[in-house]
Amino acid sequence: MPSSTITELLRSSALKLQESDSPRLDVEILLARTLGCDRAAIYTRGAETLPDGIRGQFDQHLQQRLGGEPVAYITGEREFWSLALKVNNGILIPRPDTECLVAAALAHIPVRESLRIADLGTGSGAIALAIASERPRCHIVATDIDAATLATAEHNRDRHDLDNVELIASDWFTNLGGYVFHVIISNPPYIPDADPHLDQGDVRFEPRLALAGGADGLDMIRTIIDGAPDHLCPGGYLFLEHGFDQGDTVKALLRQRGFSSIECFDDLAGHHRGTGAQWQP
């Protein structure tokens, strides 16, 4: 039987991945990675067939995806805010919805001001690096509890020459001492420990430490809300990503701690995905 052309391979492979939310996109990314080109270039080569070695690599990647492994872990990379970021299975995969958190924070960070900003639980560095790329005059402190995770964030920082990002090993505020910020931003773990989604789909491959947030999912959010006032300038802002059904509870926690100007913002599907608030002692 003659080998499939690239066009035929894309079609047949996407049909195998129907359990994925984005089968065609998954196949395009995997094939582009195998060929060492961008996705657009695939379509200029549609009539070509793959050499056996390249086809074998692609088939291996496809089998990994059929087994449920996230595309980002197979390729070792994920794009966030137009930045290509190194990721691995010890790091939470950056989501497009988290770009909404970045956008909400940027709306309160004037372009020409030199503010101090913290990204707590930075993971791949996605949030910190996105803000650093948009606000080069600002100094961003990015923290994480895991040394290997910080090493990946450092790789991503250096890859994009964003030297206005400082990386610190810290369990939330533990090692931030006298640091005071104009803006604190975080995408902490917020899924309840018993939520069945932790054992489904791509999520089951991701580190539980970066996902599960206690019995109701809010343990880390409570810790951040409680500690943030000690590290915020008067008039400073706190921005938190959370579950689509946690907005009212998060707003109540912020009010109880003394925050004001509390506003929710939506994710790409129109669900409440985060909350921002101002600290006015």
C-alpha atoms as a PDB file:
ATOM      1  CA  MET A   1       0.000   0.000   0.000  1.00  0.00           C
ATOM      2  CA  PRO A   2       1.415   3.432  -0.909  1.00  0.00           C
ATOM      3  CA  SER A   3       2.288   5.786   1.945  1.00  0.00           C
ATOM      4  CA  SER A   4      -0.257   8.413   2.908  1.00  0.00           C
ATOM      5  CA  THR A   5       0.320  11.984   1.848  1.00  0.00           C
ATOM      6  CA  ILE A   6       0.540  14.613   4.557  1.00  0.00           C
ATOM      7  CA  THR A   7      -3.000  15.751   3.735  1.00  0.00           C
ATOM      8  CA  GLU A   8      -4.319  12.192   4.058  1.00  0.00           C
ATOM      9  CA  LEU A   9      -2.335  11.613   7.236  1.00  0.00           C
ATOM     10  CA  LEU A  10      -3.803  14.732   8.850  1.00  0.00           C
ATOM     11  CA  ARG A  11      -7.324  13.606   8.024  1.00  0.00           C
ATOM     12  CA  SER A  12      -6.958   9.994   9.168  1.00  0.00           C
ATOM     13  CA  SER A  13      -5.085  10.898  12.352  1.00  0.00           C
ATOM     14  CA  ALA A  14      -7.659  13.504  13.379  1.00  0.00           C
ATOM     15  CA  LEU A  15     -10.387  10.873  13.024  1.00  0.00           C
ATOM     16  CA  LYS A  16      -8.533   8.688  15.527  1.00  0.00           C
ATOM     17  CA  LEU A  17      -8.460  11.519  18.073  1.00  0.00           C
ATOM     18  CA  GLN A  18     -12.178  12.187  18.324  1.00  0.00           C
ATOM     19  CA  GLU A  19     -12.071  12.051  22.130  1.00  0.00           C
ATOM     20  CA  SER A  20      -9.898  15.161  22.092  1.00  0.00           C
ATOM     21  CA  ASP A  21     -11.544  18.592  22.225  1.00  0.00           C
ATOM     22  CA  SER A  22      -9.363  19.672  19.304  1.00  0.00           C
ATOM     23  CA  PRO A  23      -8.335  16.619  17.232  1.00  0.00           C
ATOM     24  CA  ARG A  24      -7.288  18.495  14.096  1.00  0.00           C
ATOM     25  CA  LEU A  25      -5.260  21.046  16.022  1.00  0.00           C
ATOM     26  CA  ASP A  26      -3.575  18.305  18.051  1.00  0.00           C
ATOM     27  CA  VAL A  27      -2.514  16.476  14.904  1.00  0.00           C
ATOM     28  CA  GLU A  28      -1.264  19.654  13.237  1.00  0.00           C
ATOM     29  CA  ILE A  29       0.873  20.546  16.260  1.00  0.00           C
ATOM     30  CA  LEU A  30       2.307  17.030  16.540  1.00  0.00           C
ATOM     31  CA  LEU A  31       3.111  16.821  12.848  1.00  0.00           C
ATOM     32  CA  ALA A  32       4.644  20.294  12.764  1.00  0.00           C
ATOM     33  CA  ARG A  33       6.797  19.360  15.741  1.00  0.00           C
ATOM     34  CA  THR A  34       7.907  16.144  14.028  1.00  0.00           C
ATOM     35  CA  LEU A  35       8.762  17.987  10.808  1.00  0.00           C
ATOM     36  CA  GLY A  36      10.409  20.915  12.584  1.00  0.00           C
ATOM     37  CA  CYS A  37       8.202  23.502  10.892  1.00  0.00           C
ATOM     38  CA  ASP A  38       5.233  25.681  11.786  1.00  0.00           C
ATOM     39  CA  ARG A  39       1.647  24.573  11.250  1.00  0.00           C
ATOM     40  CA  ALA A  40       1.137  26.783   8.212  1.00  0.00           C
ATOM     41  CA  ALA A  41       4.021  25.076   6.412  1.00  0.00           C
ATOM     42  CA  ILE A  42       2.289  21.702   6.666  1.00  0.00           C
ATOM     43  CA  TYR A  43      -0.305  22.789   4.118  1.00  0.00           C
ATOM     44  CA  THR A  44       2.301  23.768   1.558  1.00  0.00           C
ATOM     45  CA  ARG A  45       3.577  20.180   1.737  1.00  0.00           C
ATOM     46  CA  GLY A  46       0.248  18.382   1.607  1.00  0.00           C
ATOM     47  CA  ALA A  47       1.116  16.183  -1.377  1.00  0.00           C
ATOM     48  CA  GLU A  48       4.354  14.921   0.187  1.00  0.00           C
ATOM     49  CA  THR A  49       4.764  11.590   1.948  1.00  0.00           C
ATOM     50  CA  LEU A  50       6.845  11.243   5.086  1.00  0.00           C
ATOM     51  CA  PRO A  51      10.108   9.268   5.121  1.00  0.00           C
ATOM     52  CA  ASP A  52       9.832   6.134   7.254  1.00  0.00           C
ATOM     53  CA  GLY A  53      11.855   7.571  10.122  1.00  0.00           C
ATOM     54  CA  ILE A  54       9.802  10.759  10.346  1.00  0.00           C
ATOM     55  CA  ARG A  55       6.565   8.792  10.001  1.00  0.00           C
ATOM     56  CA  GLY A  56       7.671   6.571  12.881  1.00  0.00           C
ATOM     57  CA  GLN A  57       8.282   9.583  15.111  1.00  0.00           C
ATOM     58  CA  PHE A  58       4.883  11.015  14.258  1.00  0.00           C
ATOM     59  CA  ASP A  59       3.148   7.683  14.898  1.00  0.00           C
ATOM     60  CA  GLN A  60       4.827   7.530  18.315  1.00  0.00           C
ATOM     61  CA  HIS A  61       3.596  11.020  19.168  1.00  0.00           C
ATOM     62  CA  LEU A  62       0.112  10.135  17.966  1.00  0.00           C
ATOM     63  CA  GLN A  63       0.046   7.020  20.149  1.00  0.00           C
ATOM     64  CA  GLN A  64       1.046   9.106  23.165  1.00  0.00           C
ATOM     65  CA  ARG A  65      -1.844  11.470  22.432  1.00  0.00           C
ATOM     66  CA  LEU A  66      -4.241   8.556  21.927  1.00  0.00           C
ATOM     67  CA  GLY A  67      -3.191   7.421  25.401  1.00  0.00           C
ATOM     68  CA  GLY A  68      -4.350  10.764  26.758  1.00  0.00           C
ATOM     69  CA  GLU A  69      -0.983  12.466  27.212  1.00  0.00           C
ATOM     70  CA  PRO A  70      -1.325  16.237  26.700  1.00  0.00           C
ATOM     71  CA  VAL A  71       0.108  17.654  23.496  1.00  0.00           C
ATOM     72  CA  ALA A  72       2.198  20.142  25.473  1.00  0.00           C
ATOM     73  CA  TYR A  73       3.980  17.327  27.319  1.00  0.00           C
ATOM     74  CA  ILE A  74       4.594  15.401  24.088  1.00  0.00           C
ATOM     75  CA  THR A  75       6.134  18.427  22.369  1.00  0.00           C
ATOM     76  CA  GLY A  76       7.670  19.916  25.526  1.00  0.00           C
ATOM     77  CA  GLU A  77       6.283  23.333  24.670  1.00  0.00           C
ATOM     78  CA  ARG A  78       3.182  25.487  25.023  1.00  0.00           C
ATOM     79  CA  GLU A  79       2.431  28.961  23.704  1.00  0.00           C
ATOM     80  CA  PHE A  80       1.058  31.532  26.144  1.00  0.00           C
ATOM     81  CA  TRP A  81       0.537  35.219  25.368  1.00  0.00           C
ATOM     82  CA  SER A  82       2.475  34.625  22.106  1.00  0.00           C
ATOM     83  CA  LEU A  83       5.466  33.351  24.094  1.00  0.00           C
ATOM     84  CA  ALA A  84       6.737  29.831  23.427  1.00  0.00           C
ATOM     85  CA  LEU A  85       7.302  28.228  26.830  1.00  0.00           C
ATOM     86  CA  LYS A  86       9.093  25.045  27.797  1.00  0.00           C
ATOM     87  CA  VAL A  87       6.877  22.714  29.845  1.00  0.00           C
ATOM     88  CA  ASN A  88       7.168  19.206  31.255  1.00  0.00           C
ATOM     89  CA  ASN A  89       5.012  16.825  33.251  1.00  0.00           C
ATOM     90  CA  GLY A  90       6.078  18.424  36.526  1.00  0.00           C
ATOM     91  CA  ILE A  91       4.519  21.745  35.542  1.00  0.00           C
ATOM     92  CA  LEU A  92       0.935  22.872  35.046  1.00  0.00           C
ATOM     93  CA  ILE A  93       0.210  23.477  31.365  1.00  0.00           C
ATOM     94  CA  PRO A  94      -0.628  27.174  30.792  1.00  0.00           C
ATOM     95  CA  ARG A  95      -4.239  27.625  29.641  1.00  0.00           C
ATOM     96  CA  PRO A  96      -5.693  30.239  27.290  1.00  0.00           C
ATOM     97  CA  ASP A  97      -8.195  31.169  30.027  1.00  0.00           C
ATOM     98  CA  THR A  98      -5.306  32.312  32.219  1.00  0.00           C
ATOM     99  CA  GLU A  99      -4.544  34.954  29.604  1.00  0.00           C
ATOM    100  CA  CYS A 100      -7.753  36.601  30.862  1.00  0.00           C
ATOM    101  CA  LEU A 101      -6.102  36.888  34.288  1.00  0.00           C
ATOM    102  CA  VAL A 102      -3.094  38.562  32.666  1.00  0.00           C
ATOM    103  CA  ALA A 103      -5.342  40.966  30.758  1.00  0.00           C
ATOM    104  CA  ALA A 104      -7.247  41.903  33.928  1.00  0.00           C
ATOM    105  CA  ALA A 105      -3.997  42.690  35.742  1.00  0.00           C
ATOM    106  CA  LEU A 106      -2.502  44.639  32.835  1.00  0.00           C
ATOM    107  CA  ALA A 107      -5.547  46.925  32.849  1.00  0.00           C
ATOM    108  CA  HIS A 108      -4.351  48.148  36.286  1.00  0.00           C
ATOM    109  CA  ILE A 109      -0.644  48.428  35.407  1.00  0.00           C
ATOM    110  CA  PRO A 110       0.056  51.687  33.536  1.00  0.00           C
ATOM    111  CA  VAL A 111       2.468  51.235  30.647  1.00  0.00           C
ATOM    112  CA  ARG A 112       4.883  53.977  31.675  1.00  0.00           C
ATOM    113  CA  GLU A 113       5.090  53.237  35.402  1.00  0.00           C
ATOM    114  CA  SER A 114       7.745  51.152  37.140  1.00  0.00           C
ATOM    115  CA  LEU A 115       5.730  48.986  39.509  1.00  0.00           C
ATOM    116  CA  ARG A 116       6.659  45.979  41.635  1.00  0.00           C
ATOM    117  CA  ILE A 117       4.573  42.918  40.794  1.00  0.00           C
ATOM    118  CA  ALA A 118       4.444  39.404  42.261  1.00  0.00           C
ATOM    119  CA  ASP A 119       3.364  36.211  40.498  1.00  0.00           C
ATOM    120  CA  LEU A 120       2.828  33.581  43.184  1.00  0.00           C
ATOM    121  CA  GLY A 121       3.156  29.940  42.146  1.00  0.00           C
ATOM    122  CA  THR A 122       4.623  30.826  38.780  1.00  0.00           C
ATOM    123  CA  GLY A 123       5.023  27.312  37.332  1.00  0.00           C
ATOM    124  CA  SER A 124       6.384  27.716  33.799  1.00  0.00           C
ATOM    125  CA  GLY A 125       6.616  31.470  34.404  1.00  0.00           C
ATOM    126  CA  ALA A 126       3.725  32.102  32.023  1.00  0.00           C
ATOM    127  CA  ILE A 127       1.996  34.919  33.919  1.00  0.00           C
ATOM    128  CA  ALA A 128       5.163  36.669  35.054  1.00  0.00           C
ATOM    129  CA  LEU A 129       6.735  36.550  31.594  1.00  0.00           C
ATOM    130  CA  ALA A 130       3.568  37.732  29.864  1.00  0.00           C
ATOM    131  CA  ILE A 131       3.378  40.758  32.143  1.00  0.00           C
ATOM    132  CA  ALA A 132       7.120  41.385  31.858  1.00  0.00           C
ATOM    133  CA  SER A 133       6.861  41.403  28.073  1.00  0.00           C
ATOM    134  CA  GLU A 134       4.055  43.974  28.164  1.00  0.00           C
ATOM    135  CA  ARG A 135       5.411  46.143  30.984  1.00  0.00           C
ATOM    136  CA  PRO A 136       9.219  46.210  30.600  1.00  0.00           C
ATOM    137  CA  ARG A 137       9.601  49.002  33.182  1.00  0.00           C
ATOM    138  CA  CYS A 138       8.082  46.849  35.915  1.00  0.00           C
ATOM    139  CA  HIS A 139       9.965  44.439  38.160  1.00  0.00           C
ATOM    140  CA  ILE A 140       8.219  41.089  38.532  1.00  0.00           C
ATOM    141  CA  VAL A 141       9.001  38.660  41.339  1.00  0.00           C
ATOM    142  CA  ALA A 142       7.936  35.122  40.404  1.00  0.00           C
ATOM    143  CA  THR A 143       7.804  32.473  43.122  1.00  0.00           C
ATOM    144  CA  ASP A 144       7.394  28.730  43.260  1.00  0.00           C
ATOM    145  CA  ILE A 145       7.939  26.102  45.935  1.00  0.00           C
ATOM    146  CA  ASP A 146       9.623  23.596  43.596  1.00  0.00           C
ATOM    147  CA  ALA A 147      13.261  24.049  42.544  1.00  0.00           C
ATOM    148  CA  ALA A 148      12.882  22.088  39.292  1.00  0.00           C
ATOM    149  CA  THR A 149       9.860  24.180  38.342  1.00  0.00           C
ATOM    150  CA  LEU A 150      11.797  27.376  39.009  1.00  0.00           C
ATOM    151  CA  ALA A 151      14.605  26.090  36.789  1.00  0.00           C
ATOM    152  CA  THR A 152      12.115  25.712  33.933  1.00  0.00           C
ATOM    153  CA  ALA A 153      10.746  29.202  34.574  1.00  0.00           C
ATOM    154  CA  GLU A 154      14.343  30.492  34.522  1.00  0.00           C
ATOM    155  CA  HIS A 155      14.897  28.778  31.148  1.00  0.00           C
ATOM    156  CA  ASN A 156      11.776  30.446  29.765  1.00  0.00           C
ATOM    157  CA  ARG A 157      12.799  33.838  31.163  1.00  0.00           C
ATOM    158  CA  ASP A 158      16.253  33.626  29.618  1.00  0.00           C
ATOM    159  CA  ARG A 159      14.864  32.330  26.325  1.00  0.00           C
ATOM    160  CA  HIS A 160      12.850  35.517  25.931  1.00  0.00           C
ATOM    161  CA  ASP A 161      15.455  37.883  27.471  1.00  0.00           C
ATOM    162  CA  LEU A 162      13.011  39.137  30.093  1.00  0.00           C
ATOM    163  CA  ASP A 163      15.519  40.245  32.701  1.00  0.00           C
ATOM    164  CA  ASN A 164      12.911  42.247  34.622  1.00  0.00           C
ATOM    165  CA  VAL A 165      11.736  38.965  36.184  1.00  0.00           C
ATOM    166  CA  GLU A 166      13.275  37.798  39.467  1.00  0.00           C
ATOM    167  CA  LEU A 167      12.741  34.183  40.535  1.00  0.00           C
ATOM    168  CA  ILE A 168      12.476  33.234  44.218  1.00  0.00           C
ATOM    169  CA  ALA A 169      11.883  29.865  45.859  1.00  0.00           C
ATOM    170  CA  SER A 170       8.970  30.447  48.213  1.00  0.00           C
ATOM    171  CA  ASP A 171       5.860  28.748  49.558  1.00  0.00           C
ATOM    172  CA  TRP A 172       3.501  31.622  48.756  1.00  0.00           C
ATOM    173  CA  PHE A 173       4.726  34.521  50.978  1.00  0.00           C
ATOM    174  CA  THR A 174       7.113  32.520  53.194  1.00  0.00           C
ATOM    175  CA  ASN A 175      10.392  33.806  51.701  1.00  0.00           C
ATOM    176  CA  LEU A 176       9.229  37.225  50.577  1.00  0.00           C
ATOM    177  CA  GLY A 177      10.157  38.927  53.841  1.00  0.00           C
ATOM    178  CA  GLY A 178       9.832  42.672  53.467  1.00  0.00           C
ATOM    179  CA  TYR A 179       8.827  42.628  49.810  1.00  0.00           C
ATOM    180  CA  VAL A 180       5.922  44.982  49.082  1.00  0.00           C
ATOM    181  CA  PHE A 181       4.159  45.052  45.722  1.00  0.00           C
ATOM    182  CA  HIS A 182       1.783  47.218  43.752  1.00  0.00           C
ATOM    183  CA  VAL A 183       0.149  44.143  42.223  1.00  0.00           C
ATOM    184  CA  ILE A 184      -0.012  40.512  43.316  1.00  0.00           C
ATOM    185  CA  ILE A 185      -1.312  37.950  40.838  1.00  0.00           C
ATOM    186  CA  SER A 186      -1.738  34.199  41.145  1.00  0.00           C
ATOM    187  CA  ASN A 187      -3.254  31.165  39.473  1.00  0.00           C
ATOM    188  CA  PRO A 188      -3.159  28.856  42.511  1.00  0.00           C
ATOM    189  CA  PRO A 189      -4.497  25.304  42.839  1.00  0.00           C
ATOM    190  CA  TYR A 190      -8.285  25.604  43.178  1.00  0.00           C
ATOM    191  CA  ILE A 191      -9.844  22.251  42.269  1.00  0.00           C
ATOM    192  CA  PRO A 192     -11.422  20.378  45.226  1.00  0.00           C
ATOM    193  CA  ASP A 193      -9.384  17.328  46.199  1.00  0.00           C
ATOM    194  CA  ALA A 194     -12.232  14.886  45.476  1.00  0.00           C
ATOM    195  CA  ASP A 195     -13.226  16.408  42.131  1.00  0.00           C
ATOM    196  CA  PRO A 196     -13.440  13.575  39.565  1.00  0.00           C
ATOM    197  CA  HIS A 197     -12.006  15.856  36.855  1.00  0.00           C
ATOM    198  CA  LEU A 198      -8.585  15.405  38.458  1.00  0.00           C
ATOM    199  CA  ASP A 199      -8.592  11.853  37.114  1.00  0.00           C
ATOM    200  CA  GLN A 200      -9.956  12.640  33.663  1.00  0.00           C
ATOM    201  CA  GLY A 201      -8.604  13.901  30.342  1.00  0.00           C
ATOM    202  CA  ASP A 202      -5.348  15.811  30.114  1.00  0.00           C
ATOM    203  CA  VAL A 203      -5.587  16.888  33.754  1.00  0.00           C
ATOM    204  CA  ARG A 204      -4.754  13.403  35.054  1.00  0.00           C
ATOM    205  CA  PHE A 205      -1.237  13.786  33.638  1.00  0.00           C
ATOM    206  CA  GLU A 206      -0.574  17.125  35.356  1.00  0.00           C
ATOM    207  CA  PRO A 207       0.966  17.556  38.829  1.00  0.00           C
ATOM    208  CA  ARG A 208      -1.696  17.253  41.532  1.00  0.00           C
ATOM    209  CA  LEU A 209       0.167  19.810  43.647  1.00  0.00           C
ATOM    210  CA  ALA A 210      -0.568  22.490  41.033  1.00  0.00           C
ATOM    211  CA  LEU A 211      -4.263  21.599  40.762  1.00  0.00           C
ATOM    212  CA  ALA A 212      -5.823  20.399  44.019  1.00  0.00           C
ATOM    213  CA  GLY A 213      -6.616  23.073  46.586  1.00  0.00           C
ATOM    214  CA  GLY A 214      -8.083  21.229  49.561  1.00  0.00           C
ATOM    215  CA  ALA A 215     -11.549  19.963  50.402  1.00  0.00           C
ATOM    216  CA  ASP A 216     -13.351  22.895  48.759  1.00  0.00           C
ATOM    217  CA  GLY A 217     -10.468  23.925  46.498  1.00  0.00           C
ATOM    218  CA  LEU A 218      -9.923  27.211  48.300  1.00  0.00           C
ATOM    219  CA  ASP A 219      -7.133  26.468  50.798  1.00  0.00           C
ATOM    220  CA  MET A 220      -4.413  28.222  48.776  1.00  0.00           C
ATOM    221  CA  ILE A 221      -6.699  31.096  47.853  1.00  0.00           C
ATOM    222  CA  ARG A 222      -7.412  31.661  51.562  1.00  0.00           C
ATOM    223  CA  THR A 223      -3.667  31.662  52.279  1.00  0.00           C
ATOM    224  CA  ILE A 224      -3.001  34.233  49.560  1.00  0.00           C
ATOM    225  CA  ILE A 225      -5.902  36.500  50.540  1.00  0.00           C
ATOM    226  CA  ASP A 226      -4.866  36.368  54.196  1.00  0.00           C
ATOM    227  CA  GLY A 227      -1.208  37.165  53.500  1.00  0.00           C
ATOM    228  CA  ALA A 228      -1.524  39.636  50.642  1.00  0.00           C
ATOM    229  CA  PRO A 229      -2.222  42.798  52.708  1.00  0.00           C
ATOM    230  CA  ASP A 230       1.190  42.467  54.396  1.00  0.00           C
ATOM    231  CA  HIS A 231       2.809  42.619  50.946  1.00  0.00           C
ATOM    232  CA  LEU A 232       0.657  45.192  49.142  1.00  0.00           C
ATOM    233  CA  CYS A 233       1.157  48.932  48.896  1.00  0.00           C
ATOM    234  CA  PRO A 234      -1.870  51.031  49.878  1.00  0.00           C
ATOM    235  CA  GLY A 235      -4.059  51.047  46.793  1.00  0.00           C
ATOM    236  CA  GLY A 236      -2.414  47.888  45.463  1.00  0.00           C
ATOM    237  CA  TYR A 237      -4.315  45.110  43.683  1.00  0.00           C
ATOM    238  CA  LEU A 238      -4.687  41.373  44.103  1.00  0.00           C
ATOM    239  CA  PHE A 239      -5.780  39.203  41.156  1.00  0.00           C
ATOM    240  CA  LEU A 240      -6.718  35.550  41.550  1.00  0.00           C
ATOM    241  CA  GLU A 241      -7.816  32.880  39.114  1.00  0.00           C
ATOM    242  CA  HIS A 242     -10.375  30.430  40.543  1.00  0.00           C
ATOM    243  CA  GLY A 243     -13.055  27.944  39.554  1.00  0.00           C
ATOM    244  CA  PHE A 244     -16.094  29.074  37.572  1.00  0.00           C
ATOM    245  CA  ASP A 245     -18.351  28.412  40.587  1.00  0.00           C
ATOM    246  CA  GLN A 246     -16.093  29.904  43.281  1.00  0.00           C
ATOM    247  CA  GLY A 247     -16.491  33.599  42.490  1.00  0.00           C
ATOM    248  CA  ASP A 248     -19.045  34.451  45.179  1.00  0.00           C
ATOM    249  CA  THR A 249     -17.032  32.688  47.877  1.00  0.00           C
ATOM    250  CA  VAL A 250     -13.797  34.372  46.807  1.00  0.00           C
ATOM    251  CA  LYS A 251     -15.484  37.779  46.842  1.00  0.00           C
ATOM    252  CA  ALA A 252     -16.757  37.089  50.361  1.00  0.00           C
ATOM    253  CA  LEU A 253     -13.266  36.087  51.524  1.00  0.00           C
ATOM    254  CA  LEU A 254     -11.812  39.282  50.064  1.00  0.00           C
ATOM    255  CA  ARG A 255     -14.451  41.416  51.760  1.00  0.00           C
ATOM    256  CA  GLN A 256     -13.844  39.724  55.102  1.00  0.00           C
ATOM    257  CA  ARG A 257     -10.119  40.486  54.814  1.00  0.00           C
ATOM    258  CA  GLY A 258     -10.824  44.147  54.116  1.00  0.00           C
ATOM    259  CA  PHE A 259     -10.387  44.386  50.351  1.00  0.00           C
ATOM    260  CA  SER A 260     -12.539  46.765  48.315  1.00  0.00           C
ATOM    261  CA  SER A 261     -13.353  47.465  44.644  1.00  0.00           C
ATOM    262  CA  ILE A 262     -13.913  43.741  44.145  1.00  0.00           C
ATOM    263  CA  GLU A 263     -14.626  42.690  40.561  1.00  0.00           C
ATOM    264  CA  CYS A 264     -14.949  39.345  38.794  1.00  0.00           C
ATOM    265  CA  PHE A 265     -13.707  38.800  35.249  1.00  0.00           C
ATOM    266  CA  ASP A 266     -14.712  36.135  32.752  1.00  0.00           C
ATOM    267  CA  ASP A 267     -12.816  33.431  30.914  1.00  0.00           C
ATOM    268  CA  LEU A 268     -13.063  32.774  27.180  1.00  0.00           C
ATOM    269  CA  ALA A 269     -16.302  30.818  27.675  1.00  0.00           C
ATOM    270  CA  GLY A 270     -17.950  33.667  29.577  1.00  0.00           C
ATOM    271  CA  HIS A 271     -17.648  32.030  33.005  1.00  0.00           C
ATOM    272  CA  HIS A 272     -16.401  33.894  36.087  1.00  0.00           C
ATOM    273  CA  ARG A 273     -12.793  32.685  36.207  1.00  0.00           C
ATOM    274  CA  GLY A 274     -11.055  35.249  38.355  1.00  0.00           C
ATOM    275  CA  THR A 275     -11.464  38.095  40.811  1.00  0.00           C
ATOM    276  CA  GLY A 276      -9.521  41.296  41.371  1.00  0.00           C
ATOM    277  CA  ALA A 277      -9.618  43.534  44.447  1.00  0.00           C
ATOM    278  CA  GLN A 278      -7.898  46.606  45.853  1.00  0.00           C
ATOM    279  CA  TRP A 279      -6.206  46.953  49.223  1.00  0.00           C
ATOM    280  CA  GLN A 280      -6.999  50.252  50.945  1.00  0.00           C
ATOM    281  CA  PRO A 281      -5.963  49.986  54.615  1.00  0.00           C
END
